[in-house]
């Protein structure tokens, strides 16, 4: 082997060692959870949520560091044996890619935890964590399924979203140990959208979506075009039903506040899993009519929407589909409310979540009996802030 070639390989191995030192030093900082979320934010997360999260972070970080140590050994071999240089180079590239995957995961979880930026937000989001779990408990217990814990975080935008518990994360082999639900500022204290997201988790665990799709298809069996339009929306419709059964007409009004954008409410983007906003609002109003009777605020909302956004404002190709869907809405709503849930013996979701609990009459009775206790006050938040914090400093490698 010529001397210049040998020198070049030595320089390459030395540079690999230098690169690895940089990435490995950065990776070691991942062991400290306060690198990506504040101590106060971590302390506000209940043990049942924080412990499995930090255990997952611990596993990811330690696997990353083990890969870094293995890469360092290959580089040491390459400095003595040039034939090992290719393996060392490949290993460093794998380590870099894995570092970025871990970084994305920690950044997401850190941002979610760190959204608890004030005592008031920590109290509000902690309450929503517990409310989200409670919303799933009755159905999942009836189905014999474990109830996932939930981390609710506040973020920008107009709509909520969920990363379901059990979903694979960006790091190979890592799964989300709890559900992470994004709630946006304008819905923070009217969190009907959160129940839509817990509906997605429940639908996944109970295999409800295929049954919902089949029920919609049967309701529209006489119109193949409407079948093709509506059945791909089954997942979002199931989540809307779940939110409605928990919050009644409030979920319909809150949904309309989000979808009532003049530029989008009558549009049907290709591949969008959500129903056209105009139809989605009509469907919610029909849920209310089906469960609570013909008379109610849903009549006014539906009438106002039709005035603001007449079918004639939609694209010509969409107008007949909107008209026929509106005419079929009672059948569609009845099918959605009556869709069987395989995990609870094929009974409809209404068998566990009785919509009468959230009827206007029931809510009026609750308001009359509970009075001011229903409304958060400064004293409520002061009491939440007074709860004793955790004393243990959280680390990504902590077993809690």
Foldseek 3Di string as FASTA:
>chain_A
DDPVVLVVLLVLLVVLLVVLVVLLVVLVVQQALCVQANQVLLLLADCLQNLVQLQLLQVLSVVLNVLSVVLNVLSVVCNVPVVSSVVSVVSSVVSVVSSVQSVVVSNVVSQQSRLCPDLLSSLLQSVVQVVLQVLQPLLCVLLVHDGFGEGEGEDADQAKEKQQFQPDGSHPPGTHNHMYMYDYDVCSVVVLRSQLHSLLNNCVVQVQQVLLLVLLCVLPVVPVVLNVQPSLLSSSLSSLLSSCLVANCSSLVSLCVRLVDPVQQQDDDPPDSHHRNLLVSLLSLLLNCVQANDDDCSVVVNVVSCVVDPLVPHDPVCSVSVVVCSVSSNSSSVSNQQRFGVSNPGGGPCVRRPSVCNHPVNVVVVCVVCPPVVDDDPVNSVVSSPPDTDDDNDTSSDSD
